[in-house]
Amino acid sequence: MKFFYISLLLCTIAFADAKQDKFVDNILHSSGVKIDLKALQDSKIVSIAREDQEQTDSSIALSMALYLKAPYKDVLTQLEQSSNRVSNYKHAFSHEIKKGPNIENSFKDAYLLPDENDEIKRLKNYNGGGELNLSKNEIELLKKLKKQNKDIAKLFFKQILIQRTKAYMQNGIHGISPYAHCNHGDTLKDGFEKSSVGMRVFKKDFSDMYNYYINYPKIQPIKKLNEHFFVIEDKIDNRVAFILKHQIIEQKQNTTLIAEREFYISNSLDGIQTQILCTPYKDGTFIALSAQSYTDRVAGFSRRIAVKFGRKAMEAQILPLFESLQKKFNH
């Protein structure tokens, strides 16, 4: 392990070589979309709508890129610290979920507090529809708890999160039950399965990780991958949101890829998959993100209009990560 870190340090003392520059240039040129290269060279955040990656009527795809004149090692450290950072919402948290018989301990504070009254009211009045991403069985559980006069603000989300985590760890995306509000089949599972999964470099240069990510948990864990699960409470679109995240990281000699899959319970989006590439480039570091989100709310006749709003919501969730990197290294 010590040898690995020494090797990593040695290859990050010097900035990118010509071969690495060509690797990034090929990514930019093969993207199939017009990229503002001047803005990129000026360390501005470049955001790109990716209609070419929207493989289903319920999908929204977006890419971001950023070039920073800072060493790869420093940027990577900041990126890893920021990837699970939550907003300034006072009740926000991000807990890593530990597998095992005591998995429930990871969800000890996954409930609504008295000052989150708007969401408590929404939960009490909920009988179905798109305000919450719940399956038919989960809606029945909510009705049962209300009928028994249980404290749903304390009990409901915690139970749902524990159930979904166990189901996902056992059966992957097939373990997540379809949301009752979806009118076009199992939007989330279909989207995750049919997705182009973003950057072509993911499938080509990280083939083992790609295969594990797409087929989780049908194949055995791969030792070279760092894998984590998180339960998150945050505020999105001015609403309390509970999120389950599956994160996989592969670090090669001079390139790191972070692949994530998130499931939302209360949000305008149903779920999201992201891949973040970090690698030396020219006199600094190149970071590229590819994201695909899925929601039944953008499918159908009004898709063109709905996607514009959906893409803005998606961008609002991704942008803070890039802004934090830009603020840290742009002086």
Protein backbone atom coordinates (compact mmCIF):
# COMPACT_ATOMS: atom_id res chain seq x y z
CA MET A 1 0.00 0.00 0.00
CA LYS A 2 2.87 2.39 0.88
CA PHE A 3 4.49 1.66 -2.49
CA PHE A 4 1.20 2.57 -4.25
CA TYR A 5 1.03 6.00 -2.62
CA ILE A 6 4.73 6.69 -3.29
CA SER A 7 4.17 5.80 -6.94
CA LEU A 8 1.12 8.07 -7.09
CA LEU A 9 3.09 10.95 -5.58
CA LEU A 10 5.97 10.54 -8.04
CA CYS A 11 3.69 10.62 -11.04
CA THR A 12 1.81 13.70 -9.82
CA ILE A 13 4.83 15.85 -8.99
CA ALA A 14 5.24 16.50 -12.70
CA PHE A 15 2.16 17.77 -14.52
CA ALA A 16 0.66 16.07 -17.54
CA ASP A 17 2.90 14.74 -20.31
CA ALA A 18 2.15 14.77 -24.02
CA LYS A 19 0.52 11.34 -23.92
CA GLN A 20 -1.88 12.46 -21.20
CA ASP A 21 -2.70 15.65 -23.09
CA LYS A 22 -3.62 13.54 -26.12
CA PHE A 23 -5.82 11.33 -23.91
CA VAL A 24 -7.85 14.36 -22.81
CA ASP A 25 -7.92 15.92 -26.29
CA ASN A 26 -9.35 12.67 -27.65
CA ILE A 27 -12.12 12.78 -25.02
CA LEU A 28 -12.98 16.36 -25.99
CA HIS A 29 -12.90 15.69 -29.73
CA SER A 30 -14.85 12.44 -29.57
CA SER A 31 -17.66 13.87 -27.44
CA GLY A 32 -19.70 14.65 -30.54
CA VAL A 33 -20.76 18.08 -29.25
CA LYS A 34 -19.35 21.57 -29.60
CA ILE A 35 -17.25 22.54 -26.59
CA ASP A 36 -16.13 26.08 -25.79
CA LEU A 37 -12.40 25.33 -25.59
CA LYS A 38 -11.47 28.95 -24.82
CA ALA A 39 -13.79 28.99 -21.79
CA LEU A 40 -12.27 25.67 -20.72
CA GLN A 41 -8.70 27.00 -21.00
CA ASP A 42 -9.77 30.04 -18.94
CA SER A 43 -10.84 27.68 -16.12
CA LYS A 44 -14.53 28.40 -16.62
CA ILE A 45 -17.13 25.69 -15.97
CA VAL A 46 -18.40 24.37 -19.28
CA SER A 47 -21.90 22.85 -19.12
CA ILE A 48 -23.22 20.87 -22.08
CA ALA A 49 -26.70 19.48 -22.73
CA ARG A 50 -26.29 15.92 -24.01
CA GLU A 51 -29.36 15.11 -26.10
CA ASP A 52 -27.23 12.46 -27.85
CA GLN A 53 -27.10 10.47 -24.60
CA GLU A 54 -30.82 10.61 -23.81
CA GLN A 55 -31.69 7.05 -24.73
CA THR A 56 -35.19 6.98 -23.19
CA ASP A 57 -38.10 9.44 -23.07
CA SER A 58 -37.61 9.78 -19.31
CA SER A 59 -33.89 10.61 -19.42
CA ILE A 60 -32.02 13.89 -19.10
CA ALA A 61 -28.28 14.00 -19.84
CA LEU A 62 -25.77 16.67 -18.97
CA SER A 63 -21.99 16.99 -19.04
CA MET A 64 -19.62 19.43 -17.33
CA ALA A 65 -15.93 20.08 -17.77
CA LEU A 66 -13.36 22.18 -15.93
CA TYR A 67 -9.65 22.78 -16.35
CA LEU A 68 -7.68 23.98 -13.33
CA LYS A 69 -4.07 25.16 -13.28
CA ALA A 70 -3.32 23.09 -10.21
CA PRO A 71 -1.58 19.73 -9.63
CA TYR A 72 -3.60 16.58 -10.15
CA LYS A 73 -2.86 15.29 -6.64
CA ASP A 74 -4.22 18.48 -5.02
CA VAL A 75 -7.33 18.60 -7.19
CA LEU A 76 -8.05 14.91 -6.62
CA THR A 77 -7.82 15.32 -2.85
CA GLN A 78 -10.28 18.22 -2.95
CA LEU A 79 -12.59 16.35 -5.34
CA GLU A 80 -12.78 13.32 -3.04
CA GLN A 81 -13.50 15.59 -0.07
CA SER A 82 -16.21 17.48 -1.94
CA SER A 83 -18.02 14.64 -3.70
CA ASN A 84 -20.09 13.73 -0.62
CA ARG A 85 -20.33 17.19 0.87
CA VAL A 86 -23.85 18.38 1.57
CA SER A 87 -25.30 21.89 1.42
CA ASN A 88 -25.44 24.41 4.25
CA TYR A 89 -28.88 23.16 5.28
CA LYS A 90 -28.65 22.84 9.06
CA HIS A 91 -29.98 19.26 9.26
CA ALA A 92 -28.01 17.95 6.27
CA PHE A 93 -25.82 14.88 6.74
CA SER A 94 -23.96 12.23 4.75
CA HIS A 95 -23.38 8.91 6.55
CA GLU A 96 -21.49 5.99 5.09
CA ILE A 97 -23.55 2.80 5.25
CA LYS A 98 -21.63 -0.14 6.67
CA LYS A 99 -22.73 -3.61 5.56
CA GLY A 100 -23.43 -6.15 8.27
CA PRO A 101 -25.94 -7.11 10.96
CA ASN A 102 -25.98 -3.56 12.39
CA ILE A 103 -26.72 -1.80 9.10
CA GLU A 104 -29.69 -0.03 10.72
CA ASN A 105 -27.28 2.09 12.79
CA SER A 106 -26.38 4.06 9.66
CA PHE A 107 -29.94 5.40 9.53
CA LYS A 108 -30.31 6.49 13.16
CA ASP A 109 -31.11 10.12 12.30
CA ALA A 110 -32.87 9.57 8.95
CA TYR A 111 -36.14 11.17 9.95
CA LEU A 112 -37.95 14.51 9.75
CA LEU A 113 -37.47 17.02 12.55
CA PRO A 114 -40.24 19.29 13.91
CA ASP A 115 -38.94 22.37 12.05
CA GLU A 116 -39.19 20.44 8.75
CA ASN A 117 -42.91 20.97 9.01
CA ASP A 118 -43.63 21.48 5.31
CA GLU A 119 -42.35 18.01 4.48
CA ILE A 120 -44.15 16.48 7.47
CA LYS A 121 -47.43 17.97 6.22
CA ARG A 122 -46.72 16.71 2.73
CA LEU A 123 -46.11 13.22 4.12
CA LYS A 124 -49.27 13.26 6.24
CA ASN A 125 -51.43 14.31 3.29
CA TYR A 126 -49.81 12.03 0.73
CA ASN A 127 -51.97 9.34 -0.87
CA GLY A 128 -50.09 8.92 -4.14
CA GLY A 129 -48.73 10.98 -7.02
CA GLY A 130 -45.42 12.49 -8.01
CA GLU A 131 -44.59 14.47 -4.87
CA LEU A 132 -42.74 11.44 -3.48
CA ASN A 133 -40.90 8.63 -5.28
CA LEU A 134 -42.64 5.67 -3.63
CA SER A 135 -43.67 2.21 -4.78
CA LYS A 136 -47.19 0.86 -4.26
CA ASN A 137 -46.01 -1.20 -1.28
CA GLU A 138 -44.29 1.81 0.27
CA ILE A 139 -47.48 3.85 -0.09
CA GLU A 140 -49.39 1.06 1.63
CA LEU A 141 -46.84 1.10 4.48
CA LEU A 142 -47.35 4.85 4.88
CA LYS A 143 -51.13 4.41 5.00
CA LYS A 144 -50.74 1.64 7.59
CA LEU A 145 -48.52 3.79 9.83
CA LYS A 146 -50.97 6.67 9.61
CA LYS A 147 -53.90 4.38 10.42
CA GLN A 148 -52.03 3.11 13.50
CA ASN A 149 -51.36 6.72 14.55
CA LYS A 150 -47.61 6.10 14.39
CA ASP A 151 -45.12 8.97 14.30
CA ILE A 152 -44.54 8.83 10.54
CA ALA A 153 -42.06 11.71 10.63
CA LYS A 154 -39.82 9.54 12.84
CA LEU A 155 -40.49 6.14 11.30
CA PHE A 156 -41.38 6.23 7.63
CA PHE A 157 -38.28 7.45 5.78
CA LYS A 158 -35.99 5.44 8.04
CA GLN A 159 -37.85 2.22 7.24
CA ILE A 160 -37.96 2.96 3.52
CA LEU A 161 -34.24 3.77 3.35
CA ILE A 162 -33.26 0.60 5.22
CA GLN A 163 -35.50 -1.57 3.03
CA ARG A 164 -34.23 -0.04 -0.20
CA THR A 165 -30.58 -0.28 0.81
CA LYS A 166 -30.89 -3.97 1.63
CA ALA A 167 -32.82 -4.61 -1.59
CA TYR A 168 -30.24 -2.73 -3.69
CA MET A 169 -27.29 -4.50 -2.07
CA GLN A 170 -28.96 -7.84 -2.80
CA ASN A 171 -30.35 -7.22 -6.31
CA GLY A 172 -28.94 -3.93 -7.59
CA ILE A 173 -31.24 -1.69 -9.60
CA HIS A 174 -33.67 -4.61 -9.91
CA GLY A 175 -34.15 -4.47 -6.14
CA ILE A 176 -35.66 -0.98 -6.28
CA SER A 177 -39.43 -1.30 -6.79
CA PRO A 178 -41.00 0.83 -9.56
CA TYR A 179 -42.39 4.15 -8.40
CA ALA A 180 -46.18 4.22 -8.36
CA HIS A 181 -46.40 7.59 -10.12
CA CYS A 182 -44.56 6.37 -13.24
CA ASN A 183 -46.85 6.09 -16.24
CA HIS A 184 -44.21 4.70 -18.60
CA GLY A 185 -43.14 1.49 -16.90
CA ASP A 186 -40.23 1.21 -14.49
CA THR A 187 -38.66 4.54 -15.43
CA LEU A 188 -35.66 4.34 -13.14
CA LYS A 189 -34.59 0.75 -13.84
CA ASP A 190 -35.20 1.12 -17.58
CA GLY A 191 -33.20 4.33 -17.64
CA PHE A 192 -30.27 2.86 -15.74
CA GLU A 193 -30.21 -0.22 -17.98
CA LYS A 194 -30.58 1.58 -21.34
CA SER A 195 -28.33 4.48 -20.47
CA SER A 196 -25.25 5.05 -22.56
CA VAL A 197 -23.62 5.63 -19.16
CA GLY A 198 -21.92 8.80 -20.23
CA MET A 199 -18.33 9.06 -21.26
CA ARG A 200 -17.10 6.47 -23.73
CA VAL A 201 -13.81 6.48 -21.84
CA PHE A 202 -15.60 4.78 -18.92
CA LYS A 203 -16.39 1.67 -20.94
CA LYS A 204 -13.14 1.68 -22.91
CA ASP A 205 -10.48 2.54 -20.31
CA PHE A 206 -12.19 1.32 -17.13
CA SER A 207 -13.80 -1.82 -18.51
CA ASP A 208 -13.67 -3.86 -15.27
CA MET A 209 -15.19 -1.02 -13.28
CA TYR A 210 -17.80 -0.42 -15.99
CA ASN A 211 -18.82 -4.07 -15.95
CA TYR A 212 -19.09 -4.11 -12.16
CA TYR A 213 -21.07 -0.84 -12.11
CA ILE A 214 -23.56 -1.96 -14.76
CA ASN A 215 -24.04 -5.49 -13.39
CA TYR A 216 -23.85 -4.82 -9.64
CA PRO A 217 -24.16 -7.03 -7.58
CA LYS A 218 -24.19 -9.99 -9.98
CA ILE A 219 -20.41 -10.19 -10.18
CA GLN A 220 -17.83 -10.44 -7.43
CA PRO A 221 -16.33 -7.24 -5.98
CA ILE A 222 -13.05 -6.19 -7.58
CA LYS A 223 -10.18 -5.51 -5.17
CA LYS A 224 -8.77 -2.53 -7.05
CA LEU A 225 -12.08 -0.65 -6.68
CA ASN A 226 -13.01 1.44 -3.66
CA GLU A 227 -16.73 1.05 -3.02
CA HIS A 228 -18.94 3.04 -0.66
CA PHE A 229 -22.63 3.44 0.18
CA PHE A 230 -24.14 6.58 1.70
CA VAL A 231 -27.43 7.76 3.13
CA ILE A 232 -27.85 11.51 2.74
CA GLU A 233 -30.30 14.12 3.93
CA ASP A 234 -30.13 17.46 2.18
CA LYS A 235 -32.35 20.19 0.83
CA ILE A 236 -32.99 20.22 -2.92
CA ASP A 237 -35.37 22.61 -4.67
CA ASN A 238 -36.27 23.96 -1.20
CA ARG A 239 -37.46 20.53 -0.11
CA VAL A 240 -35.96 18.06 2.32
CA ALA A 241 -34.55 15.16 0.31
CA PHE A 242 -33.39 11.72 1.43
CA ILE A 243 -30.92 10.09 -0.94
CA LEU A 244 -29.22 6.71 -1.23
CA LYS A 245 -25.84 6.77 -2.99
CA HIS A 246 -23.64 3.98 -4.36
CA GLN A 247 -20.12 5.18 -5.16
CA ILE A 248 -17.27 3.32 -6.89
CA ILE A 249 -13.76 4.73 -7.34
CA GLU A 250 -10.90 3.42 -9.47
CA GLN A 251 -7.53 5.13 -9.27
CA LYS A 252 -4.95 4.36 -11.93
CA GLN A 253 -1.44 5.72 -12.17
CA ASN A 254 -2.50 9.14 -13.45
CA THR A 255 -6.28 8.99 -13.86
CA THR A 256 -9.15 8.60 -11.40
CA LEU A 257 -12.77 7.78 -12.17
CA ILE A 258 -15.62 8.16 -9.68
CA ALA A 259 -18.91 6.52 -10.67
CA GLU A 260 -22.04 7.16 -8.62
CA ARG A 261 -25.67 6.09 -8.64
CA GLU A 262 -28.23 7.97 -6.52
CA PHE A 263 -31.86 7.26 -5.67
CA TYR A 264 -34.13 10.10 -4.52
CA ILE A 265 -37.23 9.77 -2.37
CA SER A 266 -38.46 13.37 -2.44
CA ASN A 267 -37.24 15.30 -5.45
CA SER A 268 -38.21 16.38 -8.95
CA LEU A 269 -35.82 13.67 -10.22
CA ASP A 270 -36.18 9.93 -9.66
CA GLY A 271 -32.50 9.02 -9.74
CA ILE A 272 -29.20 9.98 -11.26
CA GLN A 273 -26.00 8.31 -12.50
CA THR A 274 -22.76 10.29 -12.71
CA GLN A 275 -19.20 9.60 -13.74
CA ILE A 276 -16.40 12.03 -12.83
CA LEU A 277 -13.01 11.78 -14.53
CA CYS A 278 -9.97 13.52 -13.05
CA THR A 279 -6.62 13.48 -14.85
CA PRO A 280 -3.51 15.64 -15.47
CA TYR A 281 -3.76 17.93 -18.50
CA LYS A 282 -1.36 20.55 -19.87
CA ASP A 283 -0.21 22.68 -16.90
CA GLY A 284 -2.85 21.40 -14.52
CA THR A 285 -5.81 19.08 -14.17
CA PHE A 286 -8.89 18.25 -16.24
CA ILE A 287 -12.17 17.23 -14.61
CA ALA A 288 -15.11 15.97 -16.65
CA LEU A 289 -18.52 14.88 -15.41
CA SER A 290 -21.19 13.00 -17.30
CA ALA A 291 -24.62 12.62 -15.73
CA GLN A 292 -27.88 10.96 -16.69
CA SER A 293 -31.05 11.49 -14.68
CA TYR A 294 -34.38 9.77 -15.04
CA THR A 295 -37.86 11.00 -14.26
CA ASP A 296 -41.29 10.18 -15.65
CA ARG A 297 -42.09 13.88 -15.36
CA VAL A 298 -40.28 14.67 -18.62
CA ALA A 299 -41.75 11.86 -20.72
CA GLY A 300 -44.64 12.32 -23.08
CA PHE A 301 -46.07 15.12 -25.24
CA SER A 302 -44.52 18.06 -23.33
CA ARG A 303 -41.05 16.49 -23.03
CA ARG A 304 -39.21 19.32 -24.81
CA ILE A 305 -40.43 21.92 -22.31
CA ALA A 306 -40.14 19.63 -19.29
CA VAL A 307 -36.54 18.69 -20.11
CA LYS A 308 -35.48 22.35 -19.93
CA PHE A 309 -36.75 22.57 -16.34
CA GLY A 310 -35.39 19.12 -15.50
CA ARG A 311 -31.95 19.96 -16.83
CA LYS A 312 -31.87 23.15 -14.73
CA ALA A 313 -32.76 21.14 -11.62
CA MET A 314 -30.08 18.62 -12.46
CA GLU A 315 -27.47 21.31 -13.12
CA ALA A 316 -28.27 22.97 -9.79
CA GLN A 317 -27.34 19.75 -8.00
CA ILE A 318 -24.07 19.18 -9.87
CA LEU A 319 -22.77 22.73 -10.20
CA PRO A 320 -21.76 23.26 -6.53
CA LEU A 321 -19.13 20.50 -6.79
CA PHE A 322 -17.44 22.26 -9.71
CA GLU A 323 -17.83 25.69 -8.13
CA SER A 324 -16.08 24.50 -4.97
CA LEU A 325 -13.13 23.23 -7.04
CA GLN A 326 -13.02 26.46 -9.05
CA LYS A 327 -13.07 28.56 -5.87
CA LYS A 328 -10.35 26.48 -4.25
CA PHE A 329 -7.83 26.64 -7.10
CA ASN A 330 -8.60 29.80 -9.09
CA HIS A 331 -6.76 32.76 -7.59
